[in-house]
C-alpha atoms as a PDB file:
ATOM      1  CA  MET A   1     212.554  72.295 149.497  1.00  0.00           C
ATOM      2  CA  PHE A   2     215.223  75.152 149.833  1.00  0.00           C
ATOM      3  CA  PRO A   3     215.523  76.266 153.333  1.00  0.00           C
ATOM      4  CA  GLU A   4     213.517  79.368 153.958  1.00  0.00           C
ATOM      5  CA  PHE A   5     216.088  80.941 156.177  1.00  0.00           C
ATOM      6  CA  MET A   6     218.654  80.724 153.488  1.00  0.00           C
ATOM      7  CA  GLN A   7     216.539  82.796 150.958  1.00  0.00           C
ATOM      8  CA  PHE A   8     217.284  86.336 149.951  1.00  0.00           C
ATOM      9  CA  HIS A   9     215.085  88.550 147.971  1.00  0.00           C
ATOM     10  CA  VAL A  10     216.441  91.608 146.037  1.00  0.00           C
ATOM     11  CA  SER A  11     212.819  92.837 144.820  1.00  0.00           C
ATOM     12  CA  SER A  12     212.627  95.347 147.575  1.00  0.00           C
ATOM     13  CA  TYR A  13     215.777  96.801 146.740  1.00  0.00           C
ATOM     14  CA  ILE A  14     214.819  96.962 143.017  1.00  0.00           C
ATOM     15  CA  ASP A  15     211.548  98.647 143.858  1.00  0.00           C
ATOM     16  CA  ASN A  16     213.146 101.221 146.147  1.00  0.00           C
ATOM     17  CA  PHE A  17     215.569 101.854 143.357  1.00  0.00           C
ATOM     18  CA  VAL A  18     213.126 102.479 140.780  1.00  0.00           C
ATOM     19  CA  ALA A  19     211.162 104.670 143.081  1.00  0.00           C
ATOM     20  CA  TRP A  20     214.307 106.738 143.743  1.00  0.00           C
ATOM     21  CA  LEU A  21     214.792 107.218 139.946  1.00  0.00           C
ATOM     22  CA  ASN A  22     211.181 108.275 139.317  1.00  0.00           C
ATOM     23  CA  ARG A  23     211.543 110.786 142.144  1.00  0.00           C
ATOM     24  CA  ASN A  24     214.785 112.381 141.188  1.00  0.00           C
ATOM     25  CA  TRP A  25     215.062 111.767 137.536  1.00  0.00           C
ATOM     26  CA  ALA A  26     211.312 112.378 136.515  1.00  0.00           C
ATOM     27  CA  ASP A  27     211.962 115.446 134.577  1.00  0.00           C
ATOM     28  CA  GLU A  28     214.687 113.658 132.581  1.00  0.00           C
ATOM     29  CA  PHE A  29     212.655 110.720 131.889  1.00  0.00           C
ATOM     30  CA  ALA A  30     209.896 113.006 130.610  1.00  0.00           C
ATOM     31  CA  ALA A  31     212.237 114.878 128.285  1.00  0.00           C
ATOM     32  CA  LEU A  32     213.515 111.647 126.953  1.00  0.00           C
ATOM     33  CA  THR A  33     210.185 110.294 126.600  1.00  0.00           C
ATOM     34  CA  THR A  34     208.987 113.515 124.603  1.00  0.00           C
ATOM     35  CA  LEU A  35     212.063 113.367 122.409  1.00  0.00           C
ATOM     36  CA  LEU A  36     211.642 109.608 121.403  1.00  0.00           C
ATOM     37  CA  LEU A  37     208.045 109.955 120.886  1.00  0.00           C
ATOM     38  CA  LYS A  38     208.429 113.056 118.599  1.00  0.00           C
ATOM     39  CA  SER A  39     211.262 111.035 116.661  1.00  0.00           C
ATOM     40  CA  ILE A  40     208.854 107.932 116.366  1.00  0.00           C
ATOM     41  CA  LEU A  41     205.809 110.066 115.017  1.00  0.00           C
ATOM     42  CA  ALA A  42     208.159 112.202 112.774  1.00  0.00           C
ATOM     43  CA  VAL A  43     209.580 109.028 111.231  1.00  0.00           C
ATOM     44  CA  SER A  44     205.994 107.393 110.958  1.00  0.00           C
ATOM     45  CA  ASN A  45     204.643 110.534 109.167  1.00  0.00           C
ATOM     46  CA  LEU A  46     207.603 110.512 106.851  1.00  0.00           C
ATOM     47  CA  LEU A  47     207.124 106.893 105.964  1.00  0.00           C
ATOM     48  CA  LYS A  48     203.327 107.468 105.351  1.00  0.00           C
ATOM     49  CA  LEU A  49     204.009 110.602 103.228  1.00  0.00           C
ATOM     50  CA  ILE A  50     205.654 108.480 100.742  1.00  0.00           C
ATOM     51  CA  PRO A  51     202.989 106.781  98.557  1.00  0.00           C
ATOM     52  CA  TRP A  52     202.795 103.044  98.538  1.00  0.00           C
ATOM     53  CA  TRP A  53     203.789 102.612  94.855  1.00  0.00           C
ATOM     54  CA  ALA A  54     206.770 104.660  95.504  1.00  0.00           C
ATOM     55  CA  TRP A  55     207.866 102.243  98.287  1.00  0.00           C
ATOM     56  CA  ILE A  56     207.274  99.326  95.914  1.00  0.00           C
ATOM     57  CA  ILE A  57     209.410 101.171  93.240  1.00  0.00           C
ATOM     58  CA  ILE A  58     212.060 101.815  95.846  1.00  0.00           C
ATOM     59  CA  VAL A  59     212.498  98.501  97.027  1.00  0.00           C
ATOM     60  CA  ALA A  60     212.435  96.851  93.317  1.00  0.00           C
ATOM     61  CA  ALA A  61     215.210  99.249  92.475  1.00  0.00           C
ATOM     62  CA  LEU A  62     217.288  98.658  95.412  1.00  0.00           C
ATOM     63  CA  SER A  63     216.907  94.853  95.249  1.00  0.00           C
ATOM     64  CA  TRP A  64     218.101  94.903  91.594  1.00  0.00           C
ATOM     65  CA  TYR A  65     221.031  97.319  92.342  1.00  0.00           C
ATOM     66  CA  PHE A  66     222.322  95.111  95.116  1.00  0.00           C
ATOM     67  CA  SER A  67     221.482  91.558  93.570  1.00  0.00           C
ATOM     68  CA  ARG A  68     221.205  92.121  89.833  1.00  0.00           C
ATOM     69  CA  ARG A  69     218.810  89.341  89.847  1.00  0.00           C
ATOM     70  CA  VAL A  70     215.345  89.421  88.463  1.00  0.00           C
ATOM     71  CA  ILE A  71     213.848  86.768  90.540  1.00  0.00           C
ATOM     72  CA  THR A  72     215.288  88.258  93.767  1.00  0.00           C
ATOM     73  CA  SER A  73     213.654  91.705  92.802  1.00  0.00           C
ATOM     74  CA  VAL A  74     210.274  90.245  91.783  1.00  0.00           C
ATOM     75  CA  ILE A  75     210.010  88.183  95.055  1.00  0.00           C
ATOM     76  CA  LEU A  76     210.987  91.113  97.282  1.00  0.00           C
ATOM     77  CA  THR A  77     208.700  93.553  95.465  1.00  0.00           C
ATOM     78  CA  LEU A  78     205.712  90.938  95.752  1.00  0.00           C
ATOM     79  CA  MET A  79     206.447  90.505  99.548  1.00  0.00           C
ATOM     80  CA  MET A  80     206.382  94.239 100.096  1.00  0.00           C
ATOM     81  CA  MET A  81     202.906  94.443  97.903  1.00  0.00           C
ATOM     82  CA  SER A  82     201.590  91.665 100.068  1.00  0.00           C
ATOM     83  CA  ILE A  83     201.566  93.807 103.226  1.00  0.00           C
ATOM     84  CA  GLY A  84     199.143  96.233 101.210  1.00  0.00           C
ATOM     85  CA  TRP A  85     197.164  93.307  99.848  1.00  0.00           C
ATOM     86  CA  PHE A  86     196.289  92.481 103.458  1.00  0.00           C
ATOM     87  CA  GLY A  87     195.367  95.850 104.239  1.00  0.00           C
ATOM     88  CA  LEU A  88     198.022  96.278 106.673  1.00  0.00           C
ATOM     89  CA  TRP A  89     200.193  99.035 104.939  1.00  0.00           C
ATOM     90  CA  ASP A  90     199.631 101.909 107.551  1.00  0.00           C
ATOM     91  CA  ILE A  91     200.024  99.520 110.566  1.00  0.00           C
ATOM     92  CA  ALA A  92     203.271  98.165 109.047  1.00  0.00           C
ATOM     93  CA  MET A  93     204.532 101.786 108.582  1.00  0.00           C
ATOM     94  CA  ASP A  94     204.121 102.369 112.212  1.00  0.00           C
ATOM     95  CA  THR A  95     206.014  98.952 112.936  1.00  0.00           C
ATOM     96  CA  LEU A  96     208.747 100.207 110.555  1.00  0.00           C
ATOM     97  CA  SER A  97     208.947 103.623 112.468  1.00  0.00           C
ATOM     98  CA  ILE A  98     209.585 101.815 115.946  1.00  0.00           C
ATOM     99  CA  VAL A  99     212.252  99.712 114.242  1.00  0.00           C
ATOM    100  CA  ILE A 100     214.172 102.679 112.370  1.00  0.00           C
ATOM    101  CA  VAL A 101     214.172 104.655 115.672  1.00  0.00           C
ATOM    102  CA  SER A 102     215.255 101.768 117.668  1.00  0.00           C
ATOM    103  CA  VAL A 103     218.029 100.939 115.385  1.00  0.00           C
ATOM    104  CA  ILE A 104     219.198 104.415 115.072  1.00  0.00           C
ATOM    105  CA  VAL A 105     219.525 104.626 118.934  1.00  0.00           C
ATOM    106  CA  ALA A 106     221.003 101.183 119.008  1.00  0.00           C
ATOM    107  CA  VAL A 107     223.714 102.281 116.331  1.00  0.00           C
ATOM    108  CA  ILE A 108     224.393 105.557 118.091  1.00  0.00           C
ATOM    109  CA  ILE A 109     225.135 103.568 121.242  1.00  0.00           C
ATOM    110  CA  GLY A 110     226.736 100.388 119.888  1.00  0.00           C
ATOM    111  CA  ILE A 111     229.234 101.646 117.334  1.00  0.00           C
ATOM    112  CA  PRO A 112     231.142 103.944 119.690  1.00  0.00           C
ATOM    113  CA  LEU A 113     231.022 101.246 122.342  1.00  0.00           C
ATOM    114  CA  GLY A 114     232.490  98.861 119.810  1.00  0.00           C
ATOM    115  CA  ILE A 115     235.052 101.236 118.782  1.00  0.00           C
ATOM    116  CA  TRP A 116     235.971 101.895 122.486  1.00  0.00           C
ATOM    117  CA  MET A 117     236.148  97.943 122.944  1.00  0.00           C
ATOM    118  CA  SER A 118     238.461  97.537 119.967  1.00  0.00           C
ATOM    119  CA  GLN A 119     240.816 100.164 121.213  1.00  0.00           C
ATOM    120  CA  SER A 120     240.976  98.861 124.804  1.00  0.00           C
ATOM    121  CA  ASP A 121     241.394  95.277 125.959  1.00  0.00           C
ATOM    122  CA  ARG A 122     240.200  96.203 129.410  1.00  0.00           C
ATOM    123  CA  VAL A 123     236.959  97.679 128.120  1.00  0.00           C
ATOM    124  CA  ALA A 124     236.272  94.841 126.025  1.00  0.00           C
ATOM    125  CA  ALA A 125     236.858  92.418 128.772  1.00  0.00           C
ATOM    126  CA  SER A 126     234.392  94.382 130.938  1.00  0.00           C
ATOM    127  CA  VAL A 127     231.744  94.900 128.269  1.00  0.00           C
ATOM    128  CA  THR A 128     231.644  91.354 126.711  1.00  0.00           C
ATOM    129  CA  PRO A 129     229.921  89.675 129.672  1.00  0.00           C
ATOM    130  CA  LEU A 130     227.215  92.445 129.629  1.00  0.00           C
ATOM    131  CA  LEU A 131     226.731  91.818 126.103  1.00  0.00           C
ATOM    132  CA  ASP A 132     226.617  88.119 126.822  1.00  0.00           C
ATOM    133  CA  ALA A 133     223.870  88.506 129.440  1.00  0.00           C
ATOM    134  CA  MET A 134     221.888  90.938 127.046  1.00  0.00           C
ATOM    135  CA  GLN A 135     221.847  88.461 124.396  1.00  0.00           C
ATOM    136  CA  THR A 136     221.050  85.332 126.616  1.00  0.00           C
ATOM    137  CA  MET A 137     218.275  86.823 128.807  1.00  0.00           C
ATOM    138  CA  PRO A 138     214.753  86.242 127.812  1.00  0.00           C
ATOM    139  CA  SER A 139     213.353  89.009 125.626  1.00  0.00           C
ATOM    140  CA  PHE A 140     210.327  89.470 127.745  1.00  0.00           C
ATOM    141  CA  VAL A 141     212.628  90.474 130.730  1.00  0.00           C
ATOM    142  CA  TYR A 142     213.536  93.808 128.942  1.00  0.00           C
ATOM    143  CA  LEU A 143     209.835  95.124 129.168  1.00  0.00           C
ATOM    144  CA  ILE A 144     210.295  95.300 132.929  1.00  0.00           C
ATOM    145  CA  PRO A 145     212.618  98.209 133.279  1.00  0.00           C
ATOM    146  CA  ALA A 146     211.167  99.959 130.385  1.00  0.00           C
ATOM    147  CA  LEU A 147     207.671  99.530 131.707  1.00  0.00           C
ATOM    148  CA  MET A 148     208.564 100.588 135.350  1.00  0.00           C
ATOM    149  CA  LEU A 149     210.337 103.762 134.056  1.00  0.00           C
ATOM    150  CA  PHE A 150     208.181 104.887 131.235  1.00  0.00           C
ATOM    151  CA  GLY A 151     204.921 103.138 131.479  1.00  0.00           C
ATOM    152  CA  LEU A 152     202.897 101.981 128.504  1.00  0.00           C
ATOM    153  CA  GLY A 153     203.289 103.296 125.035  1.00  0.00           C
ATOM    154  CA  LYS A 154     205.796 103.253 122.091  1.00  0.00           C
ATOM    155  CA  VAL A 155     208.583 104.941 123.926  1.00  0.00           C
ATOM    156  CA  PRO A 156     209.283 101.995 126.494  1.00  0.00           C
ATOM    157  CA  ALA A 157     208.808  99.573 123.586  1.00  0.00           C
ATOM    158  CA  VAL A 158     211.605 101.414 121.622  1.00  0.00           C
ATOM    159  CA  LEU A 159     213.931 101.324 124.856  1.00  0.00           C
ATOM    160  CA  ALA A 160     213.231  97.479 125.388  1.00  0.00           C
ATOM    161  CA  THR A 161     214.079  97.001 121.811  1.00  0.00           C
ATOM    162  CA  VAL A 162     217.114  99.065 121.891  1.00  0.00           C
ATOM    163  CA  ILE A 163     218.513  97.103 124.888  1.00  0.00           C
ATOM    164  CA  TYR A 164     217.789  93.898 123.087  1.00  0.00           C
ATOM    165  CA  ALA A 165     219.200  94.748 119.806  1.00  0.00           C
ATOM    166  CA  VAL A 166     222.359  96.820 120.564  1.00  0.00           C
ATOM    167  CA  PRO A 167     224.796  93.768 121.193  1.00  0.00           C
ATOM    168  CA  PRO A 168     225.172  92.588 117.459  1.00  0.00           C
ATOM    169  CA  VAL A 169     226.327  96.028 116.324  1.00  0.00           C
ATOM    170  CA  THR A 170     228.474  96.594 119.203  1.00  0.00           C
ATOM    171  CA  ARG A 171     230.196  93.104 118.924  1.00  0.00           C
ATOM    172  CA  LEU A 172     230.674  93.098 115.119  1.00  0.00           C
ATOM    173  CA  THR A 173     232.117  96.714 115.185  1.00  0.00           C
ATOM    174  CA  ASN A 174     234.760  95.556 117.607  1.00  0.00           C
ATOM    175  CA  LEU A 175     235.408  92.493 115.580  1.00  0.00           C
ATOM    176  CA  GLY A 176     235.656  94.388 112.188  1.00  0.00           C
ATOM    177  CA  ILE A 177     238.244  96.760 113.576  1.00  0.00           C
ATOM    178  CA  ARG A 178     240.323  94.092 115.524  1.00  0.00           C
ATOM    179  CA  GLN A 179     240.281  92.124 112.124  1.00  0.00           C
ATOM    180  CA  VAL A 180     242.118  94.890 110.162  1.00  0.00           C
ATOM    181  CA  SER A 181     245.669  93.814 109.430  1.00  0.00           C
ATOM    182  CA  PRO A 182     248.301  95.308 111.638  1.00  0.00           C
ATOM    183  CA  CYS A 183     250.477  95.987 108.627  1.00  0.00           C
ATOM    184  CA  VAL A 184     247.873  98.372 107.238  1.00  0.00           C
ATOM    185  CA  ILE A 185     247.780 100.199 110.651  1.00  0.00           C
ATOM    186  CA  GLU A 186     251.605 100.320 110.762  1.00  0.00           C
ATOM    187  CA  ALA A 187     251.557 101.784 107.360  1.00  0.00           C
ATOM    188  CA  ALA A 188     249.246 104.508 108.269  1.00  0.00           C
ATOM    189  CA  GLU A 189     251.292 105.398 111.281  1.00  0.00           C
ATOM    190  CA  ALA A 190     254.522 105.449 109.213  1.00  0.00           C
ATOM    191  CA  LEU A 191     252.897 108.105 106.965  1.00  0.00           C
ATOM    192  CA  GLY A 192     252.174 110.127 109.920  1.00  0.00           C
ATOM    193  CA  ALA A 193     248.400 109.523 110.567  1.00  0.00           C
ATOM    194  CA  THR A 194     247.321 110.441 114.162  1.00  0.00           C
ATOM    195  CA  ARG A 195     245.188 107.908 116.046  1.00  0.00           C
ATOM    196  CA  TRP A 196     241.999 109.554 115.130  1.00  0.00           C
ATOM    197  CA  GLN A 197     242.993 109.852 111.419  1.00  0.00           C
ATOM    198  CA  THR A 198     244.037 106.141 111.563  1.00  0.00           C
ATOM    199  CA  LEU A 199     240.541 105.293 112.949  1.00  0.00           C
ATOM    200  CA  LYS A 200     238.539 107.485 110.472  1.00  0.00           C
ATOM    201  CA  GLU A 201     240.343 106.784 107.377  1.00  0.00           C
ATOM    202  CA  VAL A 202     241.679 103.343 107.763  1.00  0.00           C
ATOM    203  CA  LEU A 203     240.186 101.158 110.426  1.00  0.00           C
ATOM    204  CA  MET A 204     236.223 102.353 109.942  1.00  0.00           C
ATOM    205  CA  PRO A 205     236.348 101.802 106.136  1.00  0.00           C
ATOM    206  CA  LEU A 206     237.775  98.606 106.229  1.00  0.00           C
ATOM    207  CA  ALA A 207     235.698  97.426 109.043  1.00  0.00           C
ATOM    208  CA  MET A 208     232.518  98.673 107.475  1.00  0.00           C
ATOM    209  CA  PRO A 209     231.378  95.307 106.130  1.00  0.00           C
ATOM    210  CA  SER A 210     231.580  94.010 109.437  1.00  0.00           C
ATOM    211  CA  VAL A 211     229.780  97.112 110.880  1.00  0.00           C
ATOM    212  CA  LEU A 212     226.951  96.760 108.394  1.00  0.00           C
ATOM    213  CA  ALA A 213     226.534  93.114 109.114  1.00  0.00           C
ATOM    214  CA  GLY A 214     226.160  94.079 112.716  1.00  0.00           C
ATOM    215  CA  ILE A 215     223.413  96.796 111.797  1.00  0.00           C
ATOM    216  CA  ASN A 216     221.769  94.123 109.721  1.00  0.00           C
ATOM    217  CA  GLN A 217     221.523  91.739 112.803  1.00  0.00           C
ATOM    218  CA  THR A 218     220.384  94.411 114.996  1.00  0.00           C
ATOM    219  CA  THR A 219     217.708  95.251 112.654  1.00  0.00           C
ATOM    220  CA  MET A 220     216.482  91.755 112.612  1.00  0.00           C
ATOM    221  CA  MET A 221     216.743  91.558 116.327  1.00  0.00           C
ATOM    222  CA  ALA A 222     214.609  94.820 116.497  1.00  0.00           C
ATOM    223  CA  LEU A 223     211.988  93.306 114.225  1.00  0.00           C
ATOM    224  CA  SER A 224     211.911  90.068 116.377  1.00  0.00           C
ATOM    225  CA  MET A 225     210.747  92.423 119.488  1.00  0.00           C
ATOM    226  CA  VAL A 226     207.662  93.724 117.369  1.00  0.00           C
ATOM    227  CA  VAL A 227     205.357  91.211 118.809  1.00  0.00           C
ATOM    228  CA  ILE A 228     206.650  91.072 122.397  1.00  0.00           C
ATOM    229  CA  ALA A 229     206.782  94.971 122.556  1.00  0.00           C
ATOM    230  CA  SER A 230     203.117  95.163 121.504  1.00  0.00           C
ATOM    231  CA  MET A 231     202.360  93.924 125.018  1.00  0.00           C
ATOM    232  CA  ILE A 232     203.441  97.283 126.475  1.00  0.00           C
ATOM    233  CA  GLY A 233     201.531  99.492 123.980  1.00  0.00           C
ATOM    234  CA  ALA A 234     203.894  99.544 120.909  1.00  0.00           C
ATOM    235  CA  GLY A 235     200.982  98.946 118.420  1.00  0.00           C
ATOM    236  CA  GLY A 236     201.643  98.278 114.876  1.00  0.00           C
ATOM    237  CA  LEU A 237     201.572  94.650 113.410  1.00  0.00           C
ATOM    238  CA  GLY A 238     202.766  93.187 116.691  1.00  0.00           C
ATOM    239  CA  GLU A 239     199.348  94.249 118.251  1.00  0.00           C
ATOM    240  CA  LYS A 240     197.425  92.639 115.453  1.00  0.00           C
ATOM    241  CA  VAL A 241     199.326  89.398 116.156  1.00  0.00           C
ATOM    242  CA  LEU A 242     198.597  89.800 119.697  1.00  0.00           C
ATOM    243  CA  ILE A 243     195.024  90.481 119.377  1.00  0.00           C
ATOM    244  CA  SER A 244     194.565  87.440 116.846  1.00  0.00           C
ATOM    245  CA  ILE A 245     196.035  85.282 119.433  1.00  0.00           C
ATOM    246  CA  ASN A 246     193.756  86.376 122.211  1.00  0.00           C
ATOM    247  CA  ARG A 247     190.829  86.073 120.080  1.00  0.00           C
ATOM    248  CA  ILE A 248     191.969  82.881 118.359  1.00  0.00           C
ATOM    249  CA  ALA A 249     191.523  84.499 114.969  1.00  0.00           C
ATOM    250  CA  VAL A 250     194.088  82.294 113.080  1.00  0.00           C
ATOM    251  CA  GLY A 251     193.524  83.929 109.661  1.00  0.00           C
ATOM    252  CA  ASN A 252     194.048  87.386 110.899  1.00  0.00           C
ATOM    253  CA  GLY A 253     197.025  86.186 112.962  1.00  0.00           C
ATOM    254  CA  PHE A 254     198.656  84.618 109.867  1.00  0.00           C
ATOM    255  CA  GLU A 255     198.157  87.839 107.811  1.00  0.00           C
ATOM    256  CA  ALA A 256     199.758  90.028 110.395  1.00  0.00           C
ATOM    257  CA  GLY A 257     202.660  87.536 111.006  1.00  0.00           C
ATOM    258  CA  PHE A 258     203.196  87.242 107.390  1.00  0.00           C
ATOM    259  CA  ALA A 259     203.511  91.064 107.008  1.00  0.00           C
ATOM    260  CA  VAL A 260     206.135  90.955 109.773  1.00  0.00           C
ATOM    261  CA  VAL A 261     208.003  88.232 108.109  1.00  0.00           C
ATOM    262  CA  ALA A 262     207.796  89.959 104.675  1.00  0.00           C
ATOM    263  CA  LEU A 263     209.075  93.102 106.252  1.00  0.00           C
ATOM    264  CA  ALA A 264     212.209  91.182 107.905  1.00  0.00           C
ATOM    265  CA  ILE A 265     213.056  89.456 104.546  1.00  0.00           C
ATOM    266  CA  VAL A 266     212.952  92.653 102.528  1.00  0.00           C
ATOM    267  CA  ILE A 267     215.153  94.494 105.214  1.00  0.00           C
ATOM    268  CA  ASP A 268     217.484  91.861 105.526  1.00  0.00           C
ATOM    269  CA  ARG A 269     217.961  91.182 101.827  1.00  0.00           C
ATOM    270  CA  LEU A 270     218.613  94.724 101.071  1.00  0.00           C
ATOM    271  CA  THR A 271     220.920  95.243 104.145  1.00  0.00           C
ATOM    272  CA  GLN A 272     222.836  92.156 103.114  1.00  0.00           C
ATOM    273  CA  GLY A 273     223.131  93.419  99.626  1.00  0.00           C
ATOM    274  CA  ALA A 274     224.410  96.676 101.012  1.00  0.00           C
ATOM    275  CA  VAL A 275     227.356  94.799 102.810  1.00  0.00           C
ATOM    276  CA  ARG A 276     228.261  92.782  99.735  1.00  0.00           C
ATOM    277  CA  ARG A 277     228.424  96.103  97.852  1.00  0.00           C
ATOM    278  CA  TRP A 278     230.896  97.421 100.394  1.00  0.00           C
ATOM    279  CA  GLN A 279     233.261  94.430 100.464  1.00  0.00           C
ATOM    280  CA  VAL A 280     236.457  94.673  98.852  1.00  0.00           C
ATOM    281  CA  PRO A 281     236.800  91.921  95.965  1.00  0.00           C
ATOM    282  CA  THR A 282     239.542  89.468  97.202  1.00  0.00           C
ATOM    283  CA  SER A 283     240.700  88.963  93.650  1.00  0.00           C
END
């Protein structure tokens, strides 16, 4: 047994820090909660405003546009329809609204951070270990700070999802910009482009396939948090899966789980298609 006199616990310091945050930043946390909750509800209402058949047409059209393959378009369309067949359409839209808001927040944080990392080796060296820790830490851990600061509900679920999903888009934005040929950068600077113009007109367009791949991975990681985030009141398909597990309702759990998988596959294939369309042909 490890000697008791050598043990050191940080739990009391963390509890005091959280209590200090709640005392001194309660108004700011309340404002952030209101903003995120309104955003989630607005996105959810917008998604539900679009008829189900319109969603099917949109998925079919986008899959054909990106892949030009009939089989791929049919499979993705059927997967989207399967969500409605199981009677989970409205719940799936609630889940999708949480994912969309989480991805938007993650992109707002991740892309500028990735750009900053690409422009400074010191920043990259400082941020990379933090991203490593965020990607290797068990996903359940992210529920703790969100729960302590924001309680139960959709807002802490979004924040926990953002923390979990922000590393891919940050890493791939940094990688995409760093992979741009130095000759291209030198040519832009020789033509008199400023640093901002080089970033905006040269680096970001050439790095966009990598950035879009990062957004794709961030979206997939956000979807992977659906079931876990339901433990703190996220609702949606994750809640259905969680209830089915508690009740040992295998059939209901399969339907909800399949709906999550179907949603993930549709989003993954469409975003991958967008990445391929953006890439410059090599020949």
